[in-house]
Amino acid sequence: MVATAVKLSEKLVKEARKYADIYNRSVPKQIEYWAKIGKIAEENPDLPNDFIKDLLLTEQQQDETPLFDFGCEEISKS
């Protein structure tokens, strides 16, 4: 991923900082989160905002949850 410097208004950064503190995100990650919500909402105007938030929350939880290897071996049919 390539980092790109972007000029943002001080007001947006202050607002993002408040929400970032509440949700334990960095300011850039909070702004990325808002951008994702906006993109999904724009591409899918029929989806309710709560549905979009739940979708992103589920995605985030899946990224944080390690996969568990049950150690099962594939059973071959003989």
C-alpha atoms as a PDB file:
ATOM      1  CA  MET A   1       0.000   0.000   0.000  1.00  0.00           C
ATOM      2  CA  VAL A   2       1.382   3.381  -0.960  1.00  0.00           C
ATOM      3  CA  ALA A   3       0.886   6.289   1.421  1.00  0.00           C
ATOM      4  CA  THR A   4      -0.240   9.543  -0.139  1.00  0.00           C
ATOM      5  CA  ALA A   5      -0.253  12.937   1.537  1.00  0.00           C
ATOM      6  CA  VAL A   6      -3.642  14.636   1.302  1.00  0.00           C
ATOM      7  CA  LYS A   7      -4.600  18.083   2.579  1.00  0.00           C
ATOM      8  CA  LEU A   8      -7.654  17.934   4.821  1.00  0.00           C
ATOM      9  CA  SER A   9      -9.477  20.670   6.646  1.00  0.00           C
ATOM     10  CA  GLU A  10      -8.596  21.151  10.292  1.00  0.00           C
ATOM     11  CA  LYS A  11     -12.279  20.735  11.154  1.00  0.00           C
ATOM     12  CA  LEU A  12     -12.423  17.272   9.538  1.00  0.00           C
ATOM     13  CA  VAL A  13      -9.231  16.156  11.282  1.00  0.00           C
ATOM     14  CA  LYS A  14     -10.507  17.353  14.685  1.00  0.00           C
ATOM     15  CA  GLU A  15     -13.800  15.531  14.174  1.00  0.00           C
ATOM     16  CA  ALA A  16     -11.988  12.391  13.027  1.00  0.00           C
ATOM     17  CA  ARG A  17      -9.733  12.569  16.096  1.00  0.00           C
ATOM     18  CA  LYS A  18     -12.773  12.549  18.405  1.00  0.00           C
ATOM     19  CA  TYR A  19     -14.278   9.489  16.727  1.00  0.00           C
ATOM     20  CA  ALA A  20     -10.896   7.787  16.414  1.00  0.00           C
ATOM     21  CA  ASP A  21     -10.409   8.047  20.176  1.00  0.00           C
ATOM     22  CA  ILE A  22     -13.863   6.598  20.838  1.00  0.00           C
ATOM     23  CA  TYR A  23     -13.415   3.661  18.464  1.00  0.00           C
ATOM     24  CA  ASN A  24      -9.700   3.072  19.149  1.00  0.00           C
ATOM     25  CA  ARG A  25      -8.607   3.905  15.613  1.00  0.00           C
ATOM     26  CA  SER A  26      -5.903   6.191  14.315  1.00  0.00           C
ATOM     27  CA  VAL A  27      -7.064   9.400  12.665  1.00  0.00           C
ATOM     28  CA  PRO A  28      -6.126   8.134   9.166  1.00  0.00           C
ATOM     29  CA  LYS A  29      -7.958   4.830   9.798  1.00  0.00           C
ATOM     30  CA  GLN A  30     -11.040   6.743  10.983  1.00  0.00           C
ATOM     31  CA  ILE A  31     -11.044   8.821   7.804  1.00  0.00           C
ATOM     32  CA  GLU A  32     -10.585   5.646   5.722  1.00  0.00           C
ATOM     33  CA  TYR A  33     -13.558   4.127   7.558  1.00  0.00           C
ATOM     34  CA  TRP A  34     -15.716   7.148   6.762  1.00  0.00           C
ATOM     35  CA  ALA A  35     -14.582   7.008   3.127  1.00  0.00           C
ATOM     36  CA  LYS A  36     -15.588   3.323   2.913  1.00  0.00           C
ATOM     37  CA  ILE A  37     -19.033   4.115   4.347  1.00  0.00           C
ATOM     38  CA  GLY A  38     -19.469   6.950   1.871  1.00  0.00           C
ATOM     39  CA  LYS A  39     -18.342   4.855  -1.091  1.00  0.00           C
ATOM     40  CA  ILE A  40     -20.643   1.960  -0.211  1.00  0.00           C
ATOM     41  CA  ALA A  41     -23.558   4.338   0.409  1.00  0.00           C
ATOM     42  CA  GLU A  42     -22.999   6.111  -2.900  1.00  0.00           C
ATOM     43  CA  GLU A  43     -22.760   2.842  -4.843  1.00  0.00           C
ATOM     44  CA  ASN A  44     -25.766   1.333  -3.018  1.00  0.00           C
ATOM     45  CA  PRO A  45     -28.189   4.147  -2.212  1.00  0.00           C
ATOM     46  CA  ASP A  46     -30.875   1.633  -1.205  1.00  0.00           C
ATOM     47  CA  LEU A  47     -28.843   0.249   1.733  1.00  0.00           C
ATOM     48  CA  PRO A  48     -29.577   1.669   5.189  1.00  0.00           C
ATOM     49  CA  ASN A  49     -26.665   3.269   7.024  1.00  0.00           C
ATOM     50  CA  ASP A  50     -26.914   0.774   9.908  1.00  0.00           C
ATOM     51  CA  PHE A  51     -26.601  -2.111   7.443  1.00  0.00           C
ATOM     52  CA  ILE A  52     -23.444  -0.579   5.967  1.00  0.00           C
ATOM     53  CA  LYS A  53     -21.922  -0.096   9.437  1.00  0.00           C
ATOM     54  CA  ASP A  54     -22.745  -3.710  10.370  1.00  0.00           C
ATOM     55  CA  LEU A  55     -21.187  -4.898   7.124  1.00  0.00           C
ATOM     56  CA  LEU A  56     -17.946  -3.033   7.827  1.00  0.00           C
ATOM     57  CA  LEU A  57     -17.916  -4.197  11.447  1.00  0.00           C
ATOM     58  CA  THR A  58     -18.275  -7.810  10.342  1.00  0.00           C
ATOM     59  CA  GLU A  59     -15.467  -7.330   7.816  1.00  0.00           C
ATOM     60  CA  GLN A  60     -13.235  -5.864  10.511  1.00  0.00           C
ATOM     61  CA  GLN A  61     -13.978  -8.706  12.933  1.00  0.00           C
ATOM     62  CA  GLN A  62     -13.176 -11.297  10.275  1.00  0.00           C
ATOM     63  CA  ASP A  63      -9.825  -9.603   9.645  1.00  0.00           C
ATOM     64  CA  GLU A  64      -9.029  -9.707  13.381  1.00  0.00           C
ATOM     65  CA  THR A  65     -10.189 -13.283  14.032  1.00  0.00           C
ATOM     66  CA  PRO A  66      -7.443 -15.829  13.504  1.00  0.00           C
ATOM     67  CA  LEU A  67      -8.405 -18.921  11.588  1.00  0.00           C
ATOM     68  CA  PHE A  68      -8.432 -22.095  13.619  1.00  0.00           C
ATOM     69  CA  ASP A  69      -6.974 -25.253  12.178  1.00  0.00           C
ATOM     70  CA  PHE A  70      -9.019 -28.174  13.450  1.00  0.00           C
ATOM     71  CA  GLY A  71      -6.335 -30.597  12.298  1.00  0.00           C
ATOM     72  CA  CYS A  72      -8.838 -32.610  10.277  1.00  0.00           C
ATOM     73  CA  GLU A  73      -7.487 -34.665   7.454  1.00  0.00           C
ATOM     74  CA  GLU A  74      -9.448 -35.095   4.285  1.00  0.00           C
ATOM     75  CA  ILE A  75     -11.174 -38.473   4.165  1.00  0.00           C
ATOM     76  CA  SER A  76     -10.800 -40.195   0.841  1.00  0.00           C
ATOM     77  CA  LYS A  77     -13.615 -42.286  -0.552  1.00  0.00           C
ATOM     78  CA  SER A  78     -12.440 -45.834  -1.265  1.00  0.00           C
END
